[in-house]
Protein backbone atom coordinates (compact mmCIF):
# COMPACT_ATOMS: atom_id res chain seq x y z
CA UNK A 1 0.00 0.00 0.00
CA UNK A 2 1.23 3.50 -0.81
CA UNK A 3 0.10 7.00 0.08
CA UNK A 4 0.79 9.97 -2.15
CA UNK A 5 -0.38 13.49 -2.85
CA UNK A 6 -0.20 15.85 -5.80
CA UNK A 7 -1.70 18.98 -7.26
CA UNK A 8 -2.05 20.03 -10.88
CA UNK A 9 1.60 21.02 -11.07
CA UNK A 10 3.35 19.62 -7.98
CA UNK A 11 4.02 16.12 -6.75
CA UNK A 12 4.34 15.44 -3.04
CA UNK A 13 5.71 12.51 -1.13
CA UNK A 14 5.05 8.89 -2.03
CA UNK A 15 5.01 6.87 1.18
CA UNK A 16 5.28 3.09 1.11
CA UNK A 17 3.34 1.69 4.07
CA UNK A 18 4.12 -1.48 5.97
CA UNK A 19 2.38 -4.63 4.82
CA UNK A 20 -0.96 -5.17 6.49
CA UNK A 21 -2.23 -1.59 6.45
CA UNK A 22 -2.00 1.32 8.84
CA UNK A 23 -4.01 2.74 11.70
CA UNK A 24 -5.12 6.27 12.42
CA UNK A 25 -1.93 7.18 14.33
CA UNK A 26 0.32 6.18 11.42
CA UNK A 27 -1.99 7.95 8.99
CA UNK A 28 -1.82 11.16 11.02
CA UNK A 29 1.99 11.01 10.85
CA UNK A 30 1.82 10.54 7.08
CA UNK A 31 -0.53 13.52 6.72
CA UNK A 32 1.65 15.69 8.92
CA UNK A 33 4.83 14.84 7.01
CA UNK A 34 3.49 14.39 3.47
CA UNK A 35 0.40 16.54 3.05
CA UNK A 36 1.55 19.51 5.10
CA UNK A 37 4.92 19.53 3.33
CA UNK A 38 3.13 19.83 -0.02
CA UNK A 39 0.77 22.51 1.31
CA UNK A 40 3.74 24.52 2.60
CA UNK A 41 5.40 24.14 -0.80
CA UNK A 42 2.27 25.41 -2.58
CA UNK A 43 2.20 28.58 -0.49
CA UNK A 44 5.90 29.39 -0.94
CA UNK A 45 6.42 32.07 -3.61
CA UNK A 46 8.90 31.01 -6.30
CA UNK A 47 10.60 34.40 -6.18
CA UNK A 48 10.73 37.03 -3.43
CA UNK A 49 8.71 39.53 -5.51
CA UNK A 50 6.23 36.94 -6.84
CA UNK A 51 2.54 37.53 -6.37
CA UNK A 52 0.84 34.82 -4.31
CA UNK A 53 -2.35 33.62 -6.01
CA UNK A 54 -2.92 30.44 -3.97
CA UNK A 55 -4.93 30.71 -0.79
CA UNK A 56 -6.58 28.32 1.67
CA UNK A 57 -9.48 27.71 -0.74
CA UNK A 58 -7.15 26.66 -3.57
CA UNK A 59 -7.13 22.96 -2.77
CA UNK A 60 -9.52 20.21 -1.73
CA UNK A 61 -8.11 17.13 -0.02
CA UNK A 62 -9.38 13.79 -1.36
CA UNK A 63 -9.29 10.55 0.57
CA UNK A 64 -11.49 7.50 0.23
CA UNK A 65 -13.50 5.76 2.93
CA UNK A 66 -10.69 3.60 4.31
CA UNK A 67 -11.17 3.10 8.04
CA UNK A 68 -8.02 5.05 8.97
CA UNK A 69 -9.25 7.98 6.83
CA UNK A 70 -12.62 8.08 8.60
CA UNK A 71 -11.30 7.75 12.16
CA UNK A 72 -12.67 10.52 14.38
CA UNK A 73 -9.17 11.64 15.39
CA UNK A 74 -8.23 12.07 11.70
CA UNK A 75 -11.37 14.05 10.88
CA UNK A 76 -10.68 16.30 13.88
CA UNK A 77 -7.00 16.62 12.90
CA UNK A 78 -7.95 17.79 9.40
CA UNK A 79 -10.57 20.19 10.75
CA UNK A 80 -8.20 21.67 13.36
CA UNK A 81 -5.62 22.25 10.63
CA UNK A 82 -8.18 23.80 8.25
CA UNK A 83 -7.76 21.16 5.55
CA UNK A 84 -10.89 21.12 3.39
CA UNK A 85 -11.75 17.59 2.33
CA UNK A 86 -13.99 16.14 -0.32
CA UNK A 87 -16.91 14.07 0.91
CA UNK A 88 -16.30 10.65 -0.61
CA UNK A 89 -19.44 8.82 -1.72
CA UNK A 90 -20.03 5.46 0.00
CA UNK A 91 -19.65 2.36 -2.18
CA UNK A 92 -18.34 4.50 -5.01
CA UNK A 93 -16.44 3.30 -8.03
CA UNK A 94 -12.72 3.83 -7.76
CA UNK A 95 -12.40 7.61 -8.12
CA UNK A 96 -8.85 7.89 -6.80
CA UNK A 97 -6.75 9.97 -9.25
CA UNK A 98 -3.56 8.67 -7.62
CA UNK A 99 -4.15 5.32 -9.37
CA UNK A 100 -3.78 7.06 -12.73
CA UNK A 101 -0.60 8.79 -11.63
CA UNK A 102 0.91 5.49 -10.46
CA UNK A 103 0.06 3.81 -13.79
CA UNK A 104 1.95 6.60 -15.59
CA UNK A 105 4.81 6.24 -13.10
CA UNK A 106 5.22 2.51 -13.82
CA UNK A 107 5.54 3.03 -17.59
PDB file of N, CA and C in Angstrom:
ATOM      1  N   UNK A   1       0.848  -1.168   0.000  1.00  0.00           N
ATOM      2  CA  UNK A   1       0.000   0.000   0.000  1.00  0.00           C
ATOM      3  C   UNK A   1       0.896   1.235   0.000  1.00  0.00           C
ATOM      4  N   UNK A   2       0.494   2.241  -0.765  1.00  0.00           N
ATOM      5  CA  UNK A   2       1.230   3.497  -0.813  1.00  0.00           C
ATOM      6  C   UNK A   2       0.282   4.653  -0.546  1.00  0.00           C
ATOM      7  N   UNK A   3       0.847   5.759  -0.093  1.00  0.00           N
ATOM      8  CA  UNK A   3       0.105   7.002   0.076  1.00  0.00           C
ATOM      9  C   UNK A   3       0.874   8.056  -0.693  1.00  0.00           C
ATOM     10  N   UNK A   4       0.156   8.896  -1.412  1.00  0.00           N
ATOM     11  CA  UNK A   4       0.795   9.973  -2.149  1.00  0.00           C
ATOM     12  C   UNK A   4      -0.134  11.157  -2.266  1.00  0.00           C
ATOM     13  N   UNK A   5       0.433  12.300  -2.628  1.00  0.00           N
ATOM     14  CA  UNK A   5      -0.383  13.489  -2.847  1.00  0.00           C
ATOM     15  C   UNK A   5       0.218  14.292  -3.991  1.00  0.00           C
ATOM     16  N   UNK A   6      -0.647  15.020  -4.687  1.00  0.00           N
ATOM     17  CA  UNK A   6      -0.196  15.851  -5.797  1.00  0.00           C
ATOM     18  C   UNK A   6      -1.234  16.919  -6.075  1.00  0.00           C
ATOM     19  N   UNK A   7      -0.805  17.947  -6.761  1.00  0.00           N
ATOM     20  CA  UNK A   7      -1.702  18.982  -7.261  1.00  0.00           C
ATOM     21  C   UNK A   7      -1.577  18.969  -8.781  1.00  0.00           C
ATOM     22  N   UNK A   8      -2.150  19.966  -9.426  1.00  0.00           N
ATOM     23  CA  UNK A   8      -2.050  20.034 -10.878  1.00  0.00           C
ATOM     24  C   UNK A   8      -0.631  20.165 -11.381  1.00  0.00           C
ATOM     25  N   UNK A   9       0.243  20.801 -10.591  1.00  0.00           N
ATOM     26  CA  UNK A   9       1.605  21.017 -11.073  1.00  0.00           C
ATOM     27  C   UNK A   9       2.700  20.632 -10.080  1.00  0.00           C
ATOM     28  N   UNK A  10       2.352  20.019  -8.973  1.00  0.00           N
ATOM     29  CA  UNK A  10       3.347  19.616  -7.979  1.00  0.00           C
ATOM     30  C   UNK A  10       3.066  18.199  -7.509  1.00  0.00           C
ATOM     31  N   UNK A  11       4.140  17.474  -7.263  1.00  0.00           N
ATOM     32  CA  UNK A  11       4.016  16.116  -6.747  1.00  0.00           C
ATOM     33  C   UNK A  11       4.613  16.100  -5.349  1.00  0.00           C
ATOM     34  N   UNK A  12       3.862  15.544  -4.410  1.00  0.00           N
ATOM     35  CA  UNK A  12       4.343  15.440  -3.038  1.00  0.00           C
ATOM     36  C   UNK A  12       4.996  14.094  -2.787  1.00  0.00           C
ATOM     37  N   UNK A  13       5.076  13.747  -1.542  1.00  0.00           N
ATOM     38  CA  UNK A  13       5.715  12.506  -1.127  1.00  0.00           C
ATOM     39  C   UNK A  13       4.922  11.288  -1.588  1.00  0.00           C
ATOM     40  N   UNK A  14       5.647  10.199  -1.826  1.00  0.00           N
ATOM     41  CA  UNK A  14       5.046   8.887  -2.033  1.00  0.00           C
ATOM     42  C   UNK A  14       5.557   8.024  -0.890  1.00  0.00           C
ATOM     43  N   UNK A  15       4.649   7.613  -0.018  1.00  0.00           N
ATOM     44  CA  UNK A  15       5.006   6.872   1.184  1.00  0.00           C
ATOM     45  C   UNK A  15       4.604   5.420   1.009  1.00  0.00           C
ATOM     46  N   UNK A  16       5.558   4.521   1.156  1.00  0.00           N
ATOM     47  CA  UNK A  16       5.276   3.095   1.106  1.00  0.00           C
ATOM     48  C   UNK A  16       4.975   2.648   2.536  1.00  0.00           C
ATOM     49  N   UNK A  17       3.787   2.096   2.739  1.00  0.00           N
ATOM     50  CA  UNK A  17       3.344   1.686   4.075  1.00  0.00           C
ATOM     51  C   UNK A  17       3.715   0.228   4.324  1.00  0.00           C
ATOM     52  N   UNK A  18       3.831  -0.109   5.589  1.00  0.00           N
ATOM     53  CA  UNK A  18       4.120  -1.485   5.972  1.00  0.00           C
ATOM     54  C   UNK A  18       3.007  -2.406   5.505  1.00  0.00           C
ATOM     55  N   UNK A  19       3.363  -3.638   5.239  1.00  0.00           N
ATOM     56  CA  UNK A  19       2.382  -4.626   4.820  1.00  0.00           C
ATOM     57  C   UNK A  19       1.338  -4.823   5.912  1.00  0.00           C
ATOM     58  N   UNK A  20       0.102  -4.944   5.524  1.00  0.00           N
ATOM     59  CA  UNK A  20      -0.963  -5.172   6.492  1.00  0.00           C
ATOM     60  C   UNK A  20      -1.758  -3.933   6.828  1.00  0.00           C
ATOM     61  N   UNK A  21      -1.445  -2.804   6.230  1.00  0.00           N
ATOM     62  CA  UNK A  21      -2.225  -1.592   6.453  1.00  0.00           C
ATOM     63  C   UNK A  21      -1.700  -0.736   7.591  1.00  0.00           C
ATOM     64  N   UNK A  22      -2.390   0.362   7.804  1.00  0.00           N
ATOM     65  CA  UNK A  22      -1.995   1.317   8.835  1.00  0.00           C
ATOM     66  C   UNK A  22      -3.207   1.713   9.659  1.00  0.00           C
ATOM     67  N   UNK A  23      -2.953   2.224  10.837  1.00  0.00           N
ATOM     68  CA  UNK A  23      -4.007   2.736  11.698  1.00  0.00           C
ATOM     69  C   UNK A  23      -4.037   4.253  11.647  1.00  0.00           C
ATOM     70  N   UNK A  24      -4.930   4.819  12.416  1.00  0.00           N
ATOM     71  CA  UNK A  24      -5.122   6.271  12.423  1.00  0.00           C
ATOM     72  C   UNK A  24      -3.866   7.014  12.871  1.00  0.00           C
ATOM     73  N   UNK A  25      -3.138   6.483  13.855  1.00  0.00           N
ATOM     74  CA  UNK A  25      -1.933   7.177  14.326  1.00  0.00           C
ATOM     75  C   UNK A  25      -0.868   7.259  13.244  1.00  0.00           C
ATOM     76  N   UNK A  26      -0.660   6.167  12.515  1.00  0.00           N
ATOM     77  CA  UNK A  26       0.318   6.183  11.423  1.00  0.00           C
ATOM     78  C   UNK A  26      -0.151   7.106  10.300  1.00  0.00           C
ATOM     79  N   UNK A  27      -1.449   7.100  10.043  1.00  0.00           N
ATOM     80  CA  UNK A  27      -1.990   7.950   8.985  1.00  0.00           C
ATOM     81  C   UNK A  27      -1.822   9.425   9.344  1.00  0.00           C
ATOM     82  N   UNK A  28      -2.024   9.775  10.600  1.00  0.00           N
ATOM     83  CA  UNK A  28      -1.824  11.162  11.022  1.00  0.00           C
ATOM     84  C   UNK A  28      -0.372  11.579  10.797  1.00  0.00           C
ATOM     85  N   UNK A  29       0.569  10.700  11.101  1.00  0.00           N
ATOM     86  CA  UNK A  29       1.989  11.005  10.853  1.00  0.00           C
ATOM     87  C   UNK A  29       2.253  11.232   9.371  1.00  0.00           C
ATOM     88  N   UNK A  30       1.648  10.392   8.525  1.00  0.00           N
ATOM     89  CA  UNK A  30       1.816  10.540   7.079  1.00  0.00           C
ATOM     90  C   UNK A  30       1.251  11.875   6.610  1.00  0.00           C
ATOM     91  N   UNK A  31       0.065  12.227   7.101  1.00  0.00           N
ATOM     92  CA  UNK A  31      -0.529  13.520   6.725  1.00  0.00           C
ATOM     93  C   UNK A  31       0.350  14.677   7.171  1.00  0.00           C
ATOM     94  N   UNK A  32       0.828  14.594   8.385  1.00  0.00           N
ATOM     95  CA  UNK A  32       1.646  15.686   8.917  1.00  0.00           C
ATOM     96  C   UNK A  32       2.920  15.860   8.089  1.00  0.00           C
ATOM     97  N   UNK A  33       3.564  14.752   7.760  1.00  0.00           N
ATOM     98  CA  UNK A  33       4.826  14.839   7.011  1.00  0.00           C
ATOM     99  C   UNK A  33       4.610  15.055   5.518  1.00  0.00           C
ATOM    100  N   UNK A  34       3.671  14.333   4.911  1.00  0.00           N
ATOM    101  CA  UNK A  34       3.493  14.390   3.466  1.00  0.00           C
ATOM    102  C   UNK A  34       2.592  15.503   2.988  1.00  0.00           C
ATOM    103  N   UNK A  35       1.378  15.555   3.509  1.00  0.00           N
ATOM    104  CA  UNK A  35       0.404  16.542   3.055  1.00  0.00           C
ATOM    105  C   UNK A  35       0.816  17.957   3.437  1.00  0.00           C
ATOM    106  N   UNK A  36       1.209  18.159   4.663  1.00  0.00           N
ATOM    107  CA  UNK A  36       1.551  19.512   5.102  1.00  0.00           C
ATOM    108  C   UNK A  36       2.816  20.020   4.424  1.00  0.00           C
ATOM    109  N   UNK A  37       3.731  19.124   4.082  1.00  0.00           N
ATOM    110  CA  UNK A  37       4.917  19.534   3.331  1.00  0.00           C
ATOM    111  C   UNK A  37       4.516  20.073   1.963  1.00  0.00           C
ATOM    112  N   UNK A  38       3.592  19.368   1.288  1.00  0.00           N
ATOM    113  CA  UNK A  38       3.128  19.829  -0.019  1.00  0.00           C
ATOM    114  C   UNK A  38       2.359  21.141   0.099  1.00  0.00           C
ATOM    115  N   UNK A  39       1.517  21.266   1.105  1.00  0.00           N
ATOM    116  CA  UNK A  39       0.772  22.514   1.305  1.00  0.00           C
ATOM    117  C   UNK A  39       1.737  23.679   1.543  1.00  0.00           C
ATOM    118  N   UNK A  40       2.740  23.465   2.377  1.00  0.00           N
ATOM    119  CA  UNK A  40       3.742  24.516   2.604  1.00  0.00           C
ATOM    120  C   UNK A  40       4.437  24.887   1.305  1.00  0.00           C
ATOM    121  N   UNK A  41       4.737  23.885   0.477  1.00  0.00           N
ATOM    122  CA  UNK A  41       5.398  24.135  -0.800  1.00  0.00           C
ATOM    123  C   UNK A  41       4.506  24.946  -1.734  1.00  0.00           C
ATOM    124  N   UNK A  42       3.206  24.677  -1.727  1.00  0.00           N
ATOM    125  CA  UNK A  42       2.268  25.410  -2.582  1.00  0.00           C
ATOM    126  C   UNK A  42       2.258  26.893  -2.221  1.00  0.00           C
ATOM    127  N   UNK A  43       2.317  27.195  -0.942  1.00  0.00           N
ATOM    128  CA  UNK A  43       2.196  28.577  -0.494  1.00  0.00           C
ATOM    129  C   UNK A  43       3.513  29.327  -0.439  1.00  0.00           C
ATOM    130  N   UNK A  44       4.609  28.706  -0.876  1.00  0.00           N
ATOM    131  CA  UNK A  44       5.897  29.394  -0.936  1.00  0.00           C
ATOM    132  C   UNK A  44       6.027  30.079  -2.290  1.00  0.00           C
ATOM    133  N   UNK A  45       6.226  31.405  -2.315  1.00  0.00           N
ATOM    134  CA  UNK A  45       6.424  32.065  -3.612  1.00  0.00           C
ATOM    135  C   UNK A  45       7.722  31.583  -4.255  1.00  0.00           C
ATOM    136  N   UNK A  46       7.706  31.446  -5.577  1.00  0.00           N
ATOM    137  CA  UNK A  46       8.897  31.009  -6.303  1.00  0.00           C
ATOM    138  C   UNK A  46      10.002  32.050  -6.253  1.00  0.00           C
ATOM    139  N   UNK A  47       9.633  33.303  -6.232  1.00  0.00           N
ATOM    140  CA  UNK A  47      10.598  34.397  -6.175  1.00  0.00           C
ATOM    141  C   UNK A  47      10.155  35.376  -5.097  1.00  0.00           C
ATOM    142  N   UNK A  48      11.099  36.112  -4.507  1.00  0.00           N
ATOM    143  CA  UNK A  48      10.727  37.034  -3.425  1.00  0.00           C
ATOM    144  C   UNK A  48       9.670  38.063  -3.821  1.00  0.00           C
ATOM    145  N   UNK A  49       9.672  38.515  -5.061  1.00  0.00           N
ATOM    146  CA  UNK A  49       8.715  39.529  -5.508  1.00  0.00           C
ATOM    147  C   UNK A  49       7.486  38.928  -6.190  1.00  0.00           C
ATOM    148  N   UNK A  50       7.351  37.603  -6.164  1.00  0.00           N
ATOM    149  CA  UNK A  50       6.232  36.941  -6.842  1.00  0.00           C
ATOM    150  C   UNK A  50       4.922  37.259  -6.141  1.00  0.00           C
ATOM    151  N   UNK A  51       3.874  37.306  -6.915  1.00  0.00           N
ATOM    152  CA  UNK A  51       2.539  37.532  -6.374  1.00  0.00           C
ATOM    153  C   UNK A  51       1.939  36.179  -6.015  1.00  0.00           C
ATOM    154  N   UNK A  52       1.447  36.063  -4.797  1.00  0.00           N
ATOM    155  CA  UNK A  52       0.844  34.823  -4.314  1.00  0.00           C
ATOM    156  C   UNK A  52      -0.609  34.750  -4.772  1.00  0.00           C
ATOM    157  N   UNK A  53      -0.970  33.735  -5.576  1.00  0.00           N
ATOM    158  CA  UNK A  53      -2.353  33.621  -6.009  1.00  0.00           C
ATOM    159  C   UNK A  53      -3.062  32.443  -5.338  1.00  0.00           C
ATOM    160  N   UNK A  54      -2.307  31.575  -4.678  1.00  0.00           N
ATOM    161  CA  UNK A  54      -2.917  30.442  -3.971  1.00  0.00           C
ATOM    162  C   UNK A  54      -3.330  30.898  -2.580  1.00  0.00           C
ATOM    163  N   UNK A  55      -4.495  30.450  -2.150  1.00  0.00           N
ATOM    164  CA  UNK A  55      -4.932  30.714  -0.787  1.00  0.00           C
ATOM    165  C   UNK A  55      -5.531  29.435  -0.215  1.00  0.00           C
ATOM    166  N   UNK A  56      -6.078  29.514   0.977  1.00  0.00           N
ATOM    167  CA  UNK A  56      -6.577  28.322   1.667  1.00  0.00           C
ATOM    168  C   UNK A  56      -7.711  27.634   0.914  1.00  0.00           C
ATOM    169  N   UNK A  57      -8.386  28.337   0.006  1.00  0.00           N
ATOM    170  CA  UNK A  57      -9.478  27.707  -0.742  1.00  0.00           C
ATOM    171  C   UNK A  57      -8.998  27.138  -2.083  1.00  0.00           C
ATOM    172  N   UNK A  58      -7.702  27.112  -2.305  1.00  0.00           N
ATOM    173  CA  UNK A  58      -7.147  26.660  -3.571  1.00  0.00           C
ATOM    174  C   UNK A  58      -7.196  25.151  -3.734  1.00  0.00           C
ATOM    175  N   UNK A  59      -7.193  24.404  -2.657  1.00  0.00           N
ATOM    176  CA  UNK A  59      -7.134  22.959  -2.774  1.00  0.00           C
ATOM    177  C   UNK A  59      -8.272  22.285  -2.010  1.00  0.00           C
ATOM    178  N   UNK A  60      -8.521  21.051  -2.383  1.00  0.00           N
ATOM    179  CA  UNK A  60      -9.517  20.212  -1.734  1.00  0.00           C
ATOM    180  C   UNK A  60      -8.877  18.846  -1.562  1.00  0.00           C
ATOM    181  N   UNK A  61      -8.774  18.386  -0.330  1.00  0.00           N
ATOM    182  CA  UNK A  61      -8.110  17.127  -0.023  1.00  0.00           C
ATOM    183  C   UNK A  61      -9.053  15.964  -0.280  1.00  0.00           C
ATOM    184  N   UNK A  62      -8.579  14.976  -1.035  1.00  0.00           N
ATOM    185  CA  UNK A  62      -9.376  13.793  -1.355  1.00  0.00           C
ATOM    186  C   UNK A  62      -8.798  12.590  -0.632  1.00  0.00           C
ATOM    187  N   UNK A  63      -9.658  11.843   0.010  1.00  0.00           N
ATOM    188  CA  UNK A  63      -9.289  10.552   0.571  1.00  0.00           C
ATOM    189  C   UNK A  63     -10.527   9.677   0.517  1.00  0.00           C
ATOM    190  N   UNK A  64     -10.328   8.378   0.345  1.00  0.00           N
ATOM    191  CA  UNK A  64     -11.495   7.504   0.225  1.00  0.00           C
ATOM    192  C   UNK A  64     -12.023   7.138   1.611  1.00  0.00           C
ATOM    193  N   UNK A  65     -12.845   6.132   1.668  1.00  0.00           N
ATOM    194  CA  UNK A  65     -13.495   5.763   2.926  1.00  0.00           C
ATOM    195  C   UNK A  65     -12.767   4.663   3.688  1.00  0.00           C
ATOM    196  N   UNK A  66     -11.456   4.567   3.519  1.00  0.00           N
ATOM    197  CA  UNK A  66     -10.687   3.599   4.307  1.00  0.00           C
ATOM    198  C   UNK A  66     -10.884   3.921   5.791  1.00  0.00           C
ATOM    199  N   UNK A  67     -10.863   2.894   6.611  1.00  0.00           N
ATOM    200  CA  UNK A  67     -11.169   3.103   8.036  1.00  0.00           C
ATOM    201  C   UNK A  67     -10.220   4.094   8.702  1.00  0.00           C
ATOM    202  N   UNK A  68      -8.936   4.082   8.348  1.00  0.00           N
ATOM    203  CA  UNK A  68      -8.018   5.048   8.973  1.00  0.00           C
ATOM    204  C   UNK A  68      -8.314   6.476   8.512  1.00  0.00           C
ATOM    205  N   UNK A  69      -8.893   6.646   7.326  1.00  0.00           N
ATOM    206  CA  UNK A  69      -9.252   7.981   6.832  1.00  0.00           C
ATOM    207  C   UNK A  69     -10.469   8.539   7.561  1.00  0.00           C
ATOM    208  N   UNK A  70     -11.367   7.650   7.973  1.00  0.00           N
ATOM    209  CA  UNK A  70     -12.619   8.082   8.599  1.00  0.00           C
ATOM    210  C   UNK A  70     -12.562   8.101  10.120  1.00  0.00           C
ATOM    211  N   UNK A  71     -11.422   7.756  10.700  1.00  0.00           N
ATOM    212  CA  UNK A  71     -11.305   7.752  12.160  1.00  0.00           C
ATOM    213  C   UNK A  71     -11.596   9.156  12.697  1.00  0.00           C
ATOM    214  N   UNK A  72     -12.285   9.234  13.806  1.00  0.00           N
ATOM    215  CA  UNK A  72     -12.672  10.520  14.378  1.00  0.00           C
ATOM    216  C   UNK A  72     -11.461  11.419  14.636  1.00  0.00           C
ATOM    217  N   UNK A  73     -10.368  10.835  15.110  1.00  0.00           N
ATOM    218  CA  UNK A  73      -9.174  11.644  15.391  1.00  0.00           C
ATOM    219  C   UNK A  73      -8.597  12.242  14.110  1.00  0.00           C
ATOM    220  N   UNK A  74      -8.714  11.548  12.980  1.00  0.00           N
ATOM    221  CA  UNK A  74      -8.226  12.074  11.699  1.00  0.00           C
ATOM    222  C   UNK A  74      -9.131  13.194  11.210  1.00  0.00           C
ATOM    223  N   UNK A  75     -10.433  12.999  11.300  1.00  0.00           N
ATOM    224  CA  UNK A  75     -11.367  14.047  10.877  1.00  0.00           C
ATOM    225  C   UNK A  75     -11.166  15.309  11.717  1.00  0.00           C
ATOM    226  N   UNK A  76     -10.947  15.151  13.009  1.00  0.00           N
ATOM    227  CA  UNK A  76     -10.679  16.298  13.878  1.00  0.00           C
ATOM    228  C   UNK A  76      -9.347  16.938  13.543  1.00  0.00           C
ATOM    229  N   UNK A  77      -8.329  16.126  13.269  1.00  0.00           N
ATOM    230  CA  UNK A  77      -6.999  16.620  12.901  1.00  0.00           C
ATOM    231  C   UNK A  77      -7.084  17.492  11.648  1.00  0.00           C
ATOM    232  N   UNK A  78      -7.798  17.020  10.627  1.00  0.00           N
ATOM    233  CA  UNK A  78      -7.947  17.794   9.399  1.00  0.00           C
ATOM    234  C   UNK A  78      -8.727  19.084   9.643  1.00  0.00           C
ATOM    235  N   UNK A  79      -9.771  19.001  10.447  1.00  0.00           N
ATOM    236  CA  UNK A  79     -10.572  20.188  10.745  1.00  0.00           C
ATOM    237  C   UNK A  79      -9.749  21.209  11.539  1.00  0.00           C
ATOM    238  N   UNK A  80      -9.023  20.762  12.540  1.00  0.00           N
ATOM    239  CA  UNK A  80      -8.201  21.670  13.358  1.00  0.00           C
ATOM    240  C   UNK A  80      -7.130  22.360  12.526  1.00  0.00           C
ATOM    241  N   UNK A  81      -6.663  21.689  11.487  1.00  0.00           N
ATOM    242  CA  UNK A  81      -5.617  22.252  10.632  1.00  0.00           C
ATOM    243  C   UNK A  81      -6.172  22.892   9.369  1.00  0.00           C
ATOM    244  N   UNK A  82      -7.495  23.081   9.333  1.00  0.00           N
ATOM    245  CA  UNK A  82      -8.177  23.796   8.250  1.00  0.00           C
ATOM    246  C   UNK A  82      -7.894  23.186   6.878  1.00  0.00           C
ATOM    247  N   UNK A  83      -7.936  21.867   6.815  1.00  0.00           N
ATOM    248  CA  UNK A  83      -7.756  21.155   5.553  1.00  0.00           C
ATOM    249  C   UNK A  83      -9.132  20.793   5.017  1.00  0.00           C
ATOM    250  N   UNK A  84      -9.573  21.455   3.953  1.00  0.00           N
ATOM    251  CA  UNK A  84     -10.886  21.120   3.386  1.00  0.00           C
ATOM    252  C   UNK A  84     -10.807  19.764   2.699  1.00  0.00           C
ATOM    253  N   UNK A  85     -11.798  18.917   2.934  1.00  0.00           N
ATOM    254  CA  UNK A  85     -11.748  17.588   2.333  1.00  0.00           C
ATOM    255  C   UNK A  85     -13.029  17.316   1.561  1.00  0.00           C
ATOM    256  N   UNK A  86     -12.869  16.551   0.518  1.00  0.00           N
ATOM    257  CA  UNK A  86     -13.991  16.144  -0.319  1.00  0.00           C
ATOM    258  C   UNK A  86     -14.766  15.052   0.399  1.00  0.00           C
ATOM    259  N   UNK A  87     -16.077  15.152   0.378  1.00  0.00           N
ATOM    260  CA  UNK A  87     -16.911  14.075   0.907  1.00  0.00           C
ATOM    261  C   UNK A  87     -16.892  12.952  -0.123  1.00  0.00           C
ATOM    262  N   UNK A  88     -16.430  11.790   0.289  1.00  0.00           N
ATOM    263  CA  UNK A  88     -16.303  10.650  -0.614  1.00  0.00           C
ATOM    264  C   UNK A  88     -17.584   9.840  -0.574  1.00  0.00           C
ATOM    265  N   UNK A  89     -18.182   9.564  -1.721  1.00  0.00           N
ATOM    266  CA  UNK A  89     -19.438   8.817  -1.720  1.00  0.00           C
ATOM    267  C   UNK A  89     -19.235   7.373  -1.255  1.00  0.00           C
ATOM    268  N   UNK A  90     -20.154   6.850  -0.439  1.00  0.00           N
ATOM    269  CA  UNK A  90     -20.031   5.459  -0.005  1.00  0.00           C
ATOM    270  C   UNK A  90     -20.243   4.507  -1.182  1.00  0.00           C
ATOM    271  N   UNK A  91     -19.547   3.402  -1.151  1.00  0.00           N
ATOM    272  CA  UNK A  91     -19.649   2.365  -2.179  1.00  0.00           C
ATOM    273  C   UNK A  91     -19.493   2.956  -3.582  1.00  0.00           C
ATOM    274  N   UNK A  92     -18.551   3.848  -3.728  1.00  0.00           N
ATOM    275  CA  UNK A  92     -18.338   4.505  -5.010  1.00  0.00           C
ATOM    276  C   UNK A  92     -17.417   3.664  -5.883  1.00  0.00           C
ATOM    277  N   UNK A  93     -17.462   3.912  -7.182  1.00  0.00           N
ATOM    278  CA  UNK A  93     -16.440   3.299  -8.031  1.00  0.00           C
ATOM    279  C   UNK A  93     -15.096   3.919  -7.650  1.00  0.00           C
ATOM    280  N   UNK A  94     -14.030   3.326  -8.107  1.00  0.00           N
ATOM    281  CA  UNK A  94     -12.716   3.830  -7.756  1.00  0.00           C
ATOM    282  C   UNK A  94     -12.497   5.190  -8.416  1.00  0.00           C
ATOM    283  N   UNK A  95     -12.556   6.240  -7.622  1.00  0.00           N
ATOM    284  CA  UNK A  95     -12.401   7.606  -8.125  1.00  0.00           C
ATOM    285  C   UNK A  95     -11.026   8.180  -7.833  1.00  0.00           C
ATOM    286  N   UNK A  96     -10.131   7.385  -7.286  1.00  0.00           N
ATOM    287  CA  UNK A  96      -8.854   7.889  -6.804  1.00  0.00           C
ATOM    288  C   UNK A  96      -7.936   8.270  -7.971  1.00  0.00           C
ATOM    289  N   UNK A  97      -7.624   9.559  -8.149  1.00  0.00           N
ATOM    290  CA  UNK A  97      -6.754   9.968  -9.250  1.00  0.00           C
ATOM    291  C   UNK A  97      -5.309   9.515  -9.065  1.00  0.00           C
ATOM    292  N   UNK A  98      -4.923   9.139  -7.848  1.00  0.00           N
ATOM    293  CA  UNK A  98      -3.560   8.665  -7.619  1.00  0.00           C
ATOM    294  C   UNK A  98      -3.305   7.382  -8.404  1.00  0.00           C
ATOM    295  N   UNK A  99      -4.325   6.550  -8.587  1.00  0.00           N
ATOM    296  CA  UNK A  99      -4.152   5.320  -9.366  1.00  0.00           C
ATOM    297  C   UNK A  99      -3.657   5.627 -10.778  1.00  0.00           C
ATOM    298  N   UNK A 100      -4.202   6.678 -11.395  1.00  0.00           N
ATOM    299  CA  UNK A 100      -3.777   7.062 -12.733  1.00  0.00           C
ATOM    300  C   UNK A 100      -2.343   7.574 -12.740  1.00  0.00           C
ATOM    301  N   UNK A 101      -1.963   8.290 -11.721  1.00  0.00           N
ATOM    302  CA  UNK A 101      -0.601   8.795 -11.626  1.00  0.00           C
ATOM    303  C   UNK A 101       0.388   7.635 -11.482  1.00  0.00           C
ATOM    304  N   UNK A 102       0.035   6.635 -10.667  1.00  0.00           N
ATOM    305  CA  UNK A 102       0.914   5.489 -10.460  1.00  0.00           C
ATOM    306  C   UNK A 102       1.048   4.656 -11.728  1.00  0.00           C
ATOM    307  N   UNK A 103      -0.021   4.535 -12.527  1.00  0.00           N
ATOM    308  CA  UNK A 103       0.065   3.811 -13.791  1.00  0.00           C
ATOM    309  C   UNK A 103       1.061   4.511 -14.698  1.00  0.00           C
ATOM    310  N   UNK A 104       1.001   5.837 -14.771  1.00  0.00           N
ATOM    311  CA  UNK A 104       1.953   6.596 -15.586  1.00  0.00           C
ATOM    312  C   UNK A 104       3.373   6.441 -15.047  1.00  0.00           C
ATOM    313  N   UNK A 105       3.511   6.351 -13.732  1.00  0.00           N
ATOM    314  CA  UNK A 105       4.813   6.244 -13.100  1.00  0.00           C
ATOM    315  C   UNK A 105       5.477   4.909 -13.428  1.00  0.00           C
ATOM    316  N   UNK A 106       4.684   3.841 -13.520  1.00  0.00           N
ATOM    317  CA  UNK A 106       5.224   2.506 -13.824  1.00  0.00           C
ATOM    318  C   UNK A 106       5.752   2.401 -15.237  1.00  0.00           C
ATOM    319  N   UNK A 107       5.159   3.144 -16.172  1.00  0.00           N
ATOM    320  CA  UNK A 107       5.538   3.033 -17.592  1.00  0.00           C
ATOM    321  C   UNK A 107       6.854   3.638 -17.912  1.00  0.00           C
TER     322      UNK A 107
END
